[in-house]
Amino acid sequence: KKKKGADERPQRFYRIPFIRPGDKDSPFKKKGWWFAHFDGQWIARQMELHPDKDPVCLVAGKDDMEMCELSLEETGLSRKRGAEILPREFEDEWSKHYKGPEYVRAAPKK
């Protein structure tokens, strides 16, 4: 197995269902989806799909104040069964909803 270089950050993708706080006690619970793309330990892109609202697509460097501030390790996502998805699954949803410029990975920090 080839050793990863120090500047090579793993790209990992996650999808988590959520129910809005106001809907928890409602018989008409509507489930949404929270998607995340982590570039190494830090979030690069985040997307929320709500059943009755426009999608929310956020990109690191532009929408930092609205994005998940936890590292991948702190979120516990990598230990949550069924949460990790294939890059293609994330990209398919992202391309349906994000109307901005194409995502370009940040250069490794020197």
PDB file of N, CA and C in Angstrom:
ATOM      1  N   LYS A   1       0.854  -1.195   0.000  1.00  0.00           N
ATOM      2  CA  LYS A   1       0.000   0.000   0.000  1.00  0.00           C
ATOM      3  C   LYS A   1       0.890   1.246   0.000  1.00  0.00           C
ATOM      4  N   LYS A   2       0.585   2.156  -0.903  1.00  0.00           N
ATOM      5  CA  LYS A   2       1.379   3.376  -1.017  1.00  0.00           C
ATOM      6  C   LYS A   2       1.057   4.341   0.118  1.00  0.00           C
ATOM      7  N   LYS A   3       2.095   4.907   0.687  1.00  0.00           N
ATOM      8  CA  LYS A   3       1.903   5.868   1.778  1.00  0.00           C
ATOM      9  C   LYS A   3       1.441   7.206   1.203  1.00  0.00           C
ATOM     10  N   LYS A   4       0.471   7.811   1.849  1.00  0.00           N
ATOM     11  CA  LYS A   4      -0.020   9.115   1.383  1.00  0.00           C
ATOM     12  C   LYS A   4       0.975  10.201   1.743  1.00  0.00           C
ATOM     13  N   GLY A   5       1.155  11.146   0.827  1.00  0.00           N
ATOM     14  CA  GLY A   5       2.030  12.276   1.107  1.00  0.00           C
ATOM     15  C   GLY A   5       1.412  13.164   2.175  1.00  0.00           C
ATOM     16  N   ALA A   6       2.237  13.952   2.825  1.00  0.00           N
ATOM     17  CA  ALA A   6       1.757  14.809   3.911  1.00  0.00           C
ATOM     18  C   ALA A   6       0.737  15.832   3.416  1.00  0.00           C
ATOM     19  N   ASP A   7       0.835  16.196   2.124  1.00  0.00           N
ATOM     20  CA  ASP A   7      -0.087  17.205   1.596  1.00  0.00           C
ATOM     21  C   ASP A   7      -1.333  16.582   0.973  1.00  0.00           C
ATOM     22  N   GLU A   8      -1.470  15.269   1.044  1.00  0.00           N
ATOM     23  CA  GLU A   8      -2.635  14.604   0.477  1.00  0.00           C
ATOM     24  C   GLU A   8      -3.713  14.464   1.548  1.00  0.00           C
ATOM     25  N   ARG A   9      -4.801  15.201   1.384  1.00  0.00           N
ATOM     26  CA  ARG A   9      -5.890  15.158   2.361  1.00  0.00           C
ATOM     27  C   ARG A   9      -7.007  14.276   1.822  1.00  0.00           C
ATOM     28  N   PRO A  10      -7.480  13.331   2.617  1.00  0.00           N
ATOM     29  CA  PRO A  10      -8.579  12.490   2.133  1.00  0.00           C
ATOM     30  C   PRO A  10      -9.847  13.311   1.920  1.00  0.00           C
ATOM     31  N   GLN A  11     -10.557  12.982   0.859  1.00  0.00           N
ATOM     32  CA  GLN A  11     -11.833  13.629   0.547  1.00  0.00           C
ATOM     33  C   GLN A  11     -12.931  12.660   0.982  1.00  0.00           C
ATOM     34  N   ARG A  12     -13.773  13.099   1.929  1.00  0.00           N
ATOM     35  CA  ARG A  12     -14.822  12.211   2.430  1.00  0.00           C
ATOM     36  C   ARG A  12     -16.169  12.933   2.360  1.00  0.00           C
ATOM     37  N   PHE A  13     -17.217  12.142   2.128  1.00  0.00           N
ATOM     38  CA  PHE A  13     -18.551  12.680   1.862  1.00  0.00           C
ATOM     39  C   PHE A  13     -19.577  11.989   2.760  1.00  0.00           C
ATOM     40  N   TYR A  14     -20.528  12.787   3.264  1.00  0.00           N
ATOM     41  CA  TYR A  14     -21.509  12.265   4.213  1.00  0.00           C
ATOM     42  C   TYR A  14     -22.908  12.772   3.894  1.00  0.00           C
ATOM     43  N   ARG A  15     -23.905  11.962   4.289  1.00  0.00           N
ATOM     44  CA  ARG A  15     -25.318  12.353   4.161  1.00  0.00           C
ATOM     45  C   ARG A  15     -26.019  11.902   5.446  1.00  0.00           C
ATOM     46  N   ILE A  16     -26.695  12.842   6.089  1.00  0.00           N
ATOM     47  CA  ILE A  16     -27.370  12.583   7.361  1.00  0.00           C
ATOM     48  C   ILE A  16     -28.815  13.088   7.265  1.00  0.00           C
ATOM     49  N   PRO A  17     -29.806  12.270   7.652  1.00  0.00           N
ATOM     50  CA  PRO A  17     -31.184  12.772   7.688  1.00  0.00           C
ATOM     51  C   PRO A  17     -31.390  13.665   8.911  1.00  0.00           C
ATOM     52  N   PHE A  18     -32.280  14.627   8.785  1.00  0.00           N
ATOM     53  CA  PHE A  18     -32.629  15.452   9.948  1.00  0.00           C
ATOM     54  C   PHE A  18     -34.094  15.827   9.896  1.00  0.00           C
ATOM     55  N   ILE A  19     -34.634  16.131  11.076  1.00  0.00           N
ATOM     56  CA  ILE A  19     -36.010  16.647  11.193  1.00  0.00           C
ATOM     57  C   ILE A  19     -35.884  18.009  11.846  1.00  0.00           C
ATOM     58  N   ARG A  20     -36.522  18.999  11.252  1.00  0.00           N
ATOM     59  CA  ARG A  20     -36.441  20.350  11.816  1.00  0.00           C
ATOM     60  C   ARG A  20     -36.956  20.352  13.252  1.00  0.00           C
ATOM     61  N   PRO A  21     -36.304  21.143  14.118  1.00  0.00           N
ATOM     62  CA  PRO A  21     -36.695  21.173  15.539  1.00  0.00           C
ATOM     63  C   PRO A  21     -38.188  21.429  15.759  1.00  0.00           C
ATOM     64  N   GLY A  22     -38.794  22.276  14.972  1.00  0.00           N
ATOM     65  CA  GLY A  22     -40.219  22.592  15.126  1.00  0.00           C
ATOM     66  C   GLY A  22     -41.142  21.457  14.734  1.00  0.00           C
ATOM     67  N   ASP A  23     -40.618  20.479  13.972  1.00  0.00           N
ATOM     68  CA  ASP A  23     -41.443  19.371  13.482  1.00  0.00           C
ATOM     69  C   ASP A  23     -41.380  18.123  14.363  1.00  0.00           C
ATOM     70  N   LYS A  24     -40.517  18.147  15.372  1.00  0.00           N
ATOM     71  CA  LYS A  24     -40.282  16.937  16.170  1.00  0.00           C
ATOM     72  C   LYS A  24     -41.563  16.328  16.744  1.00  0.00           C
ATOM     73  N   ASP A  25     -42.489  17.165  17.230  1.00  0.00           N
ATOM     74  CA  ASP A  25     -43.706  16.658  17.854  1.00  0.00           C
ATOM     75  C   ASP A  25     -44.890  16.627  16.884  1.00  0.00           C
ATOM     76  N   SER A  26     -44.653  17.025  15.666  1.00  0.00           N
ATOM     77  CA  SER A  26     -45.729  17.074  14.680  1.00  0.00           C
ATOM     78  C   SER A  26     -45.969  15.684  14.081  1.00  0.00           C
ATOM     79  N   PRO A  27     -47.228  15.346  13.826  1.00  0.00           N
ATOM     80  CA  PRO A  27     -47.495  14.072  13.140  1.00  0.00           C
ATOM     81  C   PRO A  27     -47.063  14.132  11.667  1.00  0.00           C
ATOM     82  N   PHE A  28     -46.768  15.328  11.188  1.00  0.00           N
ATOM     83  CA  PHE A  28     -46.386  15.510   9.781  1.00  0.00           C
ATOM     84  C   PHE A  28     -44.892  15.827   9.666  1.00  0.00           C
ATOM     85  N   LYS A  29     -44.083  15.034  10.322  1.00  0.00           N
ATOM     86  CA  LYS A  29     -42.639  15.268  10.298  1.00  0.00           C
ATOM     87  C   LYS A  29     -42.145  15.201   8.861  1.00  0.00           C
ATOM     88  N   LYS A  30     -41.304  16.161   8.508  1.00  0.00           N
ATOM     89  CA  LYS A  30     -40.717  16.177   7.169  1.00  0.00           C
ATOM     90  C   LYS A  30     -39.218  16.019   7.327  1.00  0.00           C
ATOM     91  N   LYS A  31     -38.673  14.996   6.693  1.00  0.00           N
ATOM     92  CA  LYS A  31     -37.260  14.724   6.819  1.00  0.00           C
ATOM     93  C   LYS A  31     -36.476  15.454   5.734  1.00  0.00           C
ATOM     94  N   GLY A  32     -35.418  16.095   6.156  1.00  0.00           N
ATOM     95  CA  GLY A  32     -34.508  16.725   5.215  1.00  0.00           C
ATOM     96  C   GLY A  32     -33.193  15.975   5.218  1.00  0.00           C
ATOM     97  N   TRP A  33     -32.247  16.445   4.399  1.00  0.00           N
ATOM     98  CA  TRP A  33     -30.931  15.809   4.317  1.00  0.00           C
ATOM     99  C   TRP A  33     -29.841  16.861   4.475  1.00  0.00           C
ATOM    100  N   TRP A  34     -28.824  16.505   5.227  1.00  0.00           N
ATOM    101  CA  TRP A  34     -27.628  17.340   5.405  1.00  0.00           C
ATOM    102  C   TRP A  34     -26.474  16.599   4.744  1.00  0.00           C
ATOM    103  N   PHE A  35     -25.849  17.247   3.777  1.00  0.00           N
ATOM    104  CA  PHE A  35     -24.709  16.663   3.065  1.00  0.00           C
ATOM    105  C   PHE A  35     -23.455  17.433   3.424  1.00  0.00           C
ATOM    106  N   ALA A  36     -22.337  16.728   3.500  1.00  0.00           N
ATOM    107  CA  ALA A  36     -21.073  17.392   3.808  1.00  0.00           C
ATOM    108  C   ALA A  36     -19.934  16.763   3.016  1.00  0.00           C
ATOM    109  N   HIS A  37     -19.043  17.618   2.548  1.00  0.00           N
ATOM    110  CA  HIS A  37     -17.801  17.197   1.893  1.00  0.00           C
ATOM    111  C   HIS A  37     -16.669  17.706   2.764  1.00  0.00           C
ATOM    112  N   PHE A  38     -15.875  16.778   3.309  1.00  0.00           N
ATOM    113  CA  PHE A  38     -14.722  17.140   4.126  1.00  0.00           C
ATOM    114  C   PHE A  38     -13.451  16.972   3.315  1.00  0.00           C
ATOM    115  N   ASP A  39     -12.641  18.007   3.339  1.00  0.00           N
ATOM    116  CA  ASP A  39     -11.323  18.007   2.707  1.00  0.00           C
ATOM    117  C   ASP A  39     -10.337  17.829   3.862  1.00  0.00           C
ATOM    118  N   GLY A  40      -9.889  16.607   4.083  1.00  0.00           N
ATOM    119  CA  GLY A  40      -9.113  16.322   5.283  1.00  0.00           C
ATOM    120  C   GLY A  40     -10.036  16.404   6.487  1.00  0.00           C
ATOM    121  N   GLN A  41      -9.632  17.142   7.517  1.00  0.00           N
ATOM    122  CA  GLN A  41     -10.438  17.258   8.737  1.00  0.00           C
ATOM    123  C   GLN A  41     -11.494  18.363   8.656  1.00  0.00           C
ATOM    124  N   TRP A  42     -11.459  19.207   7.624  1.00  0.00           N
ATOM    125  CA  TRP A  42     -12.332  20.390   7.620  1.00  0.00           C
ATOM    126  C   TRP A  42     -13.342  20.375   6.496  1.00  0.00           C
ATOM    127  N   ILE A  43     -14.500  20.940   6.768  1.00  0.00           N
ATOM    128  CA  ILE A  43     -15.587  20.941   5.798  1.00  0.00           C
ATOM    129  C   ILE A  43     -15.249  21.866   4.633  1.00  0.00           C
ATOM    130  N   ALA A  44     -15.508  21.389   3.429  1.00  0.00           N
ATOM    131  CA  ALA A  44     -15.258  22.163   2.214  1.00  0.00           C
ATOM    132  C   ALA A  44     -16.573  22.639   1.598  1.00  0.00           C
ATOM    133  N   ARG A  45     -17.568  21.746   1.606  1.00  0.00           N
ATOM    134  CA  ARG A  45     -18.892  22.089   1.079  1.00  0.00           C
ATOM    135  C   ARG A  45     -19.956  21.467   1.983  1.00  0.00           C
ATOM    136  N   GLN A  46     -21.059  22.181   2.097  1.00  0.00           N
ATOM    137  CA  GLN A  46     -22.167  21.718   2.934  1.00  0.00           C
ATOM    138  C   GLN A  46     -23.466  22.033   2.194  1.00  0.00           C
ATOM    139  N   MET A  47     -24.410  21.102   2.256  1.00  0.00           N
ATOM    140  CA  MET A  47     -25.683  21.307   1.567  1.00  0.00           C
ATOM    141  C   MET A  47     -26.814  20.780   2.450  1.00  0.00           C
ATOM    142  N   GLU A  48     -27.875  21.573   2.537  1.00  0.00           N
ATOM    143  CA  GLU A  48     -29.073  21.156   3.271  1.00  0.00           C
ATOM    144  C   GLU A  48     -30.236  21.101   2.290  1.00  0.00           C
ATOM    145  N   LEU A  49     -30.899  19.956   2.249  1.00  0.00           N
ATOM    146  CA  LEU A  49     -32.079  19.802   1.405  1.00  0.00           C
ATOM    147  C   LEU A  49     -33.291  19.679   2.316  1.00  0.00           C
ATOM    148  N   HIS A  50     -34.148  20.689   2.258  1.00  0.00           N
ATOM    149  CA  HIS A  50     -35.361  20.728   3.077  1.00  0.00           C
ATOM    150  C   HIS A  50     -36.542  20.349   2.196  1.00  0.00           C
ATOM    151  N   PRO A  51     -37.538  19.629   2.754  1.00  0.00           N
ATOM    152  CA  PRO A  51     -38.674  19.199   1.929  1.00  0.00           C
ATOM    153  C   PRO A  51     -39.494  20.347   1.339  1.00  0.00           C
ATOM    154  N   ASP A  52     -39.589  21.486   2.054  1.00  0.00           N
ATOM    155  CA  ASP A  52     -40.456  22.552   1.558  1.00  0.00           C
ATOM    156  C   ASP A  52     -39.743  23.906   1.494  1.00  0.00           C
ATOM    157  N   LYS A  53     -38.433  23.866   1.310  1.00  0.00           N
ATOM    158  CA  LYS A  53     -37.652  25.101   1.182  1.00  0.00           C
ATOM    159  C   LYS A  53     -36.614  24.926   0.085  1.00  0.00           C
ATOM    160  N   ASP A  54     -36.060  26.039  -0.347  1.00  0.00           N
ATOM    161  CA  ASP A  54     -34.986  25.962  -1.336  1.00  0.00           C
ATOM    162  C   ASP A  54     -33.756  25.317  -0.700  1.00  0.00           C
ATOM    163  N   PRO A  55     -32.966  24.591  -1.496  1.00  0.00           N
ATOM    164  CA  PRO A  55     -31.744  23.988  -0.967  1.00  0.00           C
ATOM    165  C   PRO A  55     -30.767  25.069  -0.498  1.00  0.00           C
ATOM    166  N   VAL A  56     -29.965  24.729   0.492  1.00  0.00           N
ATOM    167  CA  VAL A  56     -28.931  25.627   0.995  1.00  0.00           C
ATOM    168  C   VAL A  56     -27.586  24.989   0.648  1.00  0.00           C
ATOM    169  N   CYS A  57     -26.798  25.681  -0.180  1.00  0.00           N
ATOM    170  CA  CYS A  57     -25.477  25.191  -0.580  1.00  0.00           C
ATOM    171  C   CYS A  57     -24.418  26.174  -0.091  1.00  0.00           C
ATOM    172  N   LEU A  58     -23.472  25.673   0.682  1.00  0.00           N
ATOM    173  CA  LEU A  58     -22.445  26.522   1.284  1.00  0.00           C
ATOM    174  C   LEU A  58     -21.054  26.034   0.892  1.00  0.00           C
ATOM    175  N   VAL A  59     -20.139  26.980   0.681  1.00  0.00           N
ATOM    176  CA  VAL A  59     -18.781  26.662   0.259  1.00  0.00           C
ATOM    177  C   VAL A  59     -17.791  27.333   1.211  1.00  0.00           C
ATOM    178  N   ALA A  60     -16.796  26.562   1.658  1.00  0.00           N
ATOM    179  CA  ALA A  60     -15.765  27.100   2.549  1.00  0.00           C
ATOM    180  C   ALA A  60     -15.036  28.248   1.858  1.00  0.00           C
ATOM    181  N   GLY A  61     -14.673  29.251   2.642  1.00  0.00           N
ATOM    182  CA  GLY A  61     -14.000  30.423   2.100  1.00  0.00           C
ATOM    183  C   GLY A  61     -14.979  31.514   1.708  1.00  0.00           C
ATOM    184  N   LYS A  62     -16.245  31.148   1.523  1.00  0.00           N
ATOM    185  CA  LYS A  62     -17.282  32.110   1.139  1.00  0.00           C
ATOM    186  C   LYS A  62     -18.393  32.169   2.196  1.00  0.00           C
ATOM    187  N   ASP A  63     -18.790  30.991   2.677  1.00  0.00           N
ATOM    188  CA  ASP A  63     -19.933  30.899   3.602  1.00  0.00           C
ATOM    189  C   ASP A  63     -19.517  30.385   4.983  1.00  0.00           C
ATOM    190  N   ASP A  64     -18.277  30.606   5.368  1.00  0.00           N
ATOM    191  CA  ASP A  64     -17.732  30.020   6.597  1.00  0.00           C
ATOM    192  C   ASP A  64     -18.592  30.247   7.834  1.00  0.00           C
ATOM    193  N   MET A  65     -19.190  31.425   7.969  1.00  0.00           N
ATOM    194  CA  MET A  65     -19.948  31.756   9.183  1.00  0.00           C
ATOM    195  C   MET A  65     -21.217  30.911   9.328  1.00  0.00           C
ATOM    196  N   GLU A  66     -21.689  30.326   8.232  1.00  0.00           N
ATOM    197  CA  GLU A  66     -22.927  29.537   8.267  1.00  0.00           C
ATOM    198  C   GLU A  66     -22.670  28.035   8.251  1.00  0.00           C
ATOM    199  N   MET A  67     -21.394  27.645   8.159  1.00  0.00           N
ATOM    200  CA  MET A  67     -21.055  26.231   7.986  1.00  0.00           C
ATOM    201  C   MET A  67     -20.683  25.550   9.298  1.00  0.00           C
ATOM    202  N   CYS A  68     -20.662  24.235   9.256  1.00  0.00           N
ATOM    203  CA  CYS A  68     -20.233  23.422  10.385  1.00  0.00           C
ATOM    204  C   CYS A  68     -18.811  23.831  10.768  1.00  0.00           C
ATOM    205  N   GLU A  69     -18.620  24.112  12.054  1.00  0.00           N
ATOM    206  CA  GLU A  69     -17.304  24.572  12.521  1.00  0.00           C
ATOM    207  C   GLU A  69     -16.474  23.445  13.114  1.00  0.00           C
ATOM    208  N   LEU A  70     -17.041  22.261  13.233  1.00  0.00           N
ATOM    209  CA  LEU A  70     -16.338  21.148  13.854  1.00  0.00           C
ATOM    210  C   LEU A  70     -15.440  20.432  12.852  1.00  0.00           C
ATOM    211  N   SER A  71     -14.362  19.856  13.348  1.00  0.00           N
ATOM    212  CA  SER A  71     -13.526  19.020  12.492  1.00  0.00           C
ATOM    213  C   SER A  71     -14.277  17.711  12.252  1.00  0.00           C
ATOM    214  N   LEU A  72     -13.847  16.957  11.255  1.00  0.00           N
ATOM    215  CA  LEU A  72     -14.478  15.674  10.964  1.00  0.00           C
ATOM    216  C   LEU A  72     -14.439  14.782  12.198  1.00  0.00           C
ATOM    217  N   GLU A  73     -13.311  14.746  12.877  1.00  0.00           N
ATOM    218  CA  GLU A  73     -13.172  13.934  14.086  1.00  0.00           C
ATOM    219  C   GLU A  73     -14.195  14.358  15.146  1.00  0.00           C
ATOM    220  N   GLU A  74     -14.359  15.661  15.344  1.00  0.00           N
ATOM    221  CA  GLU A  74     -15.287  16.179  16.360  1.00  0.00           C
ATOM    222  C   GLU A  74     -16.748  15.870  16.034  1.00  0.00           C
ATOM    223  N   THR A  75     -17.091  15.773  14.753  1.00  0.00           N
ATOM    224  CA  THR A  75     -18.487  15.499  14.383  1.00  0.00           C
ATOM    225  C   THR A  75     -18.890  14.062  14.696  1.00  0.00           C
ATOM    226  N   GLY A  76     -17.927  13.151  14.696  1.00  0.00           N
ATOM    227  CA  GLY A  76     -18.243  11.735  14.893  1.00  0.00           C
ATOM    228  C   GLY A  76     -18.812  11.073  13.646  1.00  0.00           C
ATOM    229  N   LEU A  77     -18.884  11.796  12.536  1.00  0.00           N
ATOM    230  CA  LEU A  77     -19.481  11.250  11.308  1.00  0.00           C
ATOM    231  C   LEU A  77     -18.758  10.006  10.809  1.00  0.00           C
ATOM    232  N   SER A  78     -17.439   9.980  10.951  1.00  0.00           N
ATOM    233  CA  SER A  78     -16.683   8.846  10.421  1.00  0.00           C
ATOM    234  C   SER A  78     -16.983   7.552  11.193  1.00  0.00           C
ATOM    235  N   ARG A  79     -17.602   7.678  12.375  1.00  0.00           N
ATOM    236  CA  ARG A  79     -17.970   6.495  13.172  1.00  0.00           C
ATOM    237  C   ARG A  79     -19.461   6.169  13.062  1.00  0.00           C
ATOM    238  N   LYS A  80     -20.213   6.984  12.343  1.00  0.00           N
ATOM    239  CA  LYS A  80     -21.667   6.790  12.234  1.00  0.00           C
ATOM    240  C   LYS A  80     -21.972   5.866  11.045  1.00  0.00           C
ATOM    241  N   ARG A  81     -22.536   4.720  11.348  1.00  0.00           N
ATOM    242  CA  ARG A  81     -22.831   3.744  10.284  1.00  0.00           C
ATOM    243  C   ARG A  81     -23.802   4.289   9.257  1.00  0.00           C
ATOM    244  N   GLY A  82     -23.475   4.094   7.998  1.00  0.00           N
ATOM    245  CA  GLY A  82     -24.368   4.499   6.918  1.00  0.00           C
ATOM    246  C   GLY A  82     -24.309   5.966   6.543  1.00  0.00           C
ATOM    247  N   ALA A  83     -23.490   6.755   7.257  1.00  0.00           N
ATOM    248  CA  ALA A  83     -23.439   8.193   6.977  1.00  0.00           C
ATOM    249  C   ALA A  83     -22.537   8.526   5.791  1.00  0.00           C
ATOM    250  N   GLU A  84     -21.451   7.763   5.623  1.00  0.00           N
ATOM    251  CA  GLU A  84     -20.513   8.083   4.546  1.00  0.00           C
ATOM    252  C   GLU A  84     -21.086   7.610   3.211  1.00  0.00           C
ATOM    253  N   ILE A  85     -20.968   8.465   2.216  1.00  0.00           N
ATOM    254  CA  ILE A  85     -21.477   8.154   0.877  1.00  0.00           C
ATOM    255  C   ILE A  85     -20.330   8.270  -0.129  1.00  0.00           C
ATOM    256  N   LEU A  86     -20.573   7.786  -1.318  1.00  0.00           N
ATOM    257  CA  LEU A  86     -19.571   7.874  -2.383  1.00  0.00           C
ATOM    258  C   LEU A  86     -19.466   9.306  -2.899  1.00  0.00           C
ATOM    259  N   PRO A  87     -18.278   9.696  -3.356  1.00  0.00           N
ATOM    260  CA  PRO A  87     -18.126  11.048  -3.924  1.00  0.00           C
ATOM    261  C   PRO A  87     -19.173  11.341  -5.005  1.00  0.00           C
ATOM    262  N   ARG A  88     -19.462  10.354  -5.859  1.00  0.00           N
ATOM    263  CA  ARG A  88     -20.419  10.540  -6.961  1.00  0.00           C
ATOM    264  C   ARG A  88     -21.814  10.878  -6.420  1.00  0.00           C
ATOM    265  N   GLU A  89     -22.213  10.239  -5.313  1.00  0.00           N
ATOM    266  CA  GLU A  89     -23.533  10.513  -4.726  1.00  0.00           C
ATOM    267  C   GLU A  89     -23.626  11.975  -4.281  1.00  0.00           C
ATOM    268  N   PHE A  90     -22.554  12.460  -3.660  1.00  0.00           N
ATOM    269  CA  PHE A  90     -22.529  13.859  -3.235  1.00  0.00           C
ATOM    270  C   PHE A  90     -22.561  14.775  -4.450  1.00  0.00           C
ATOM    271  N   GLU A  91     -21.673  14.501  -5.420  1.00  0.00           N
ATOM    272  CA  GLU A  91     -21.561  15.373  -6.601  1.00  0.00           C
ATOM    273  C   GLU A  91     -22.857  15.424  -7.395  1.00  0.00           C
ATOM    274  N   ASP A  92     -23.568  14.307  -7.482  1.00  0.00           N
ATOM    275  CA  ASP A  92     -24.851  14.289  -8.212  1.00  0.00           C
ATOM    276  C   ASP A  92     -25.843  15.256  -7.569  1.00  0.00           C
ATOM    277  N   GLU A  93     -25.969  15.198  -6.249  1.00  0.00           N
ATOM    278  CA  GLU A  93     -26.891  16.106  -5.558  1.00  0.00           C
ATOM    279  C   GLU A  93     -26.402  17.546  -5.638  1.00  0.00           C
ATOM    280  N   TRP A  94     -25.101  17.754  -5.430  1.00  0.00           N
ATOM    281  CA  TRP A  94     -24.515  19.102  -5.460  1.00  0.00           C
ATOM    282  C   TRP A  94     -24.780  19.759  -6.814  1.00  0.00           C
ATOM    283  N   SER A  95     -24.554  19.013  -7.889  1.00  0.00           N
ATOM    284  CA  SER A  95     -24.719  19.597  -9.229  1.00  0.00           C
ATOM    285  C   SER A  95     -26.179  19.919  -9.542  1.00  0.00           C
ATOM    286  N   LYS A  96     -27.115  19.239  -8.906  1.00  0.00           N
ATOM    287  CA  LYS A  96     -28.551  19.535  -9.104  1.00  0.00           C
ATOM    288  C   LYS A  96     -28.944  20.861  -8.458  1.00  0.00           C
ATOM    289  N   HIS A  97     -28.266  21.221  -7.361  1.00  0.00           N
ATOM    290  CA  HIS A  97     -28.729  22.346  -6.547  1.00  0.00           C
ATOM    291  C   HIS A  97     -27.803  23.553  -6.508  1.00  0.00           C
ATOM    292  N   TYR A  98     -26.501  23.351  -6.722  1.00  0.00           N
ATOM    293  CA  TYR A  98     -25.559  24.471  -6.600  1.00  0.00           C
ATOM    294  C   TYR A  98     -25.416  25.167  -7.943  1.00  0.00           C
ATOM    295  N   LYS A  99     -25.629  26.472  -7.942  1.00  0.00           N
ATOM    296  CA  LYS A  99     -25.612  27.233  -9.200  1.00  0.00           C
ATOM    297  C   LYS A  99     -24.380  28.128  -9.327  1.00  0.00           C
ATOM    298  N   GLY A 100     -23.435  28.013  -8.406  1.00  0.00           N
ATOM    299  CA  GLY A 100     -22.235  28.849  -8.438  1.00  0.00           C
ATOM    300  C   GLY A 100     -21.137  28.234  -9.287  1.00  0.00           C
ATOM    301  N   PRO A 101     -19.924  28.799  -9.184  1.00  0.00           N
ATOM    302  CA  PRO A 101     -18.794  28.285  -9.954  1.00  0.00           C
ATOM    303  C   PRO A 101     -18.416  26.878  -9.505  1.00  0.00           C
ATOM    304  N   GLU A 102     -17.775  26.144 -10.372  1.00  0.00           N
ATOM    305  CA  GLU A 102     -17.356  24.779 -10.074  1.00  0.00           C
ATOM    306  C   GLU A 102     -16.415  24.765  -8.868  1.00  0.00           C
ATOM    307  N   TYR A 103     -16.576  23.745  -8.030  1.00  0.00           N
ATOM    308  CA  TYR A 103     -15.739  23.628  -6.832  1.00  0.00           C
ATOM    309  C   TYR A 103     -14.311  23.268  -7.230  1.00  0.00           C
ATOM    310  N   VAL A 104     -13.350  23.988  -6.650  1.00  0.00           N
ATOM    311  CA  VAL A 104     -11.932  23.693  -6.873  1.00  0.00           C
ATOM    312  C   VAL A 104     -11.315  23.484  -5.494  1.00  0.00           C
ATOM    313  N   ARG A 105     -10.665  22.353  -5.325  1.00  0.00           N
ATOM    314  CA  ARG A 105     -10.038  22.029  -4.048  1.00  0.00           C
ATOM    315  C   ARG A 105      -8.972  23.054  -3.683  1.00  0.00           C
ATOM    316  N   ALA A 106      -8.908  23.390  -2.408  1.00  0.00           N
ATOM    317  CA  ALA A 106      -7.871  24.311  -1.922  1.00  0.00           C
ATOM    318  C   ALA A 106      -6.518  23.649  -2.058  1.00  0.00           C
ATOM    319  N   ALA A 107      -5.514  24.438  -2.369  1.00  0.00           N
ATOM    320  CA  ALA A 107      -4.147  23.911  -2.470  1.00  0.00           C
ATOM    321  C   ALA A 107      -3.666  23.499  -1.083  1.00  0.00           C
ATOM    322  N   PRO A 108      -2.839  22.447  -1.012  1.00  0.00           N
ATOM    323  CA  PRO A 108      -2.316  22.043   0.294  1.00  0.00           C
ATOM    324  C   PRO A 108      -1.521  23.166   0.932  1.00  0.00           C
ATOM    325  N   LYS A 109      -1.627  23.265   2.259  1.00  0.00           N
ATOM    326  CA  LYS A 109      -0.874  24.291   2.980  1.00  0.00           C
ATOM    327  C   LYS A 109       0.578  23.868   3.071  1.00  0.00           C
ATOM    328  N   LYS A 110       1.469  24.791   2.833  1.00  0.00           N
ATOM    329  CA  LYS A 110       2.917  24.488   2.877  1.00  0.00           C
ATOM    330  C   LYS A 110       3.474  24.791   4.244  1.00  0.00           C
TER     331      LYS A 110
END
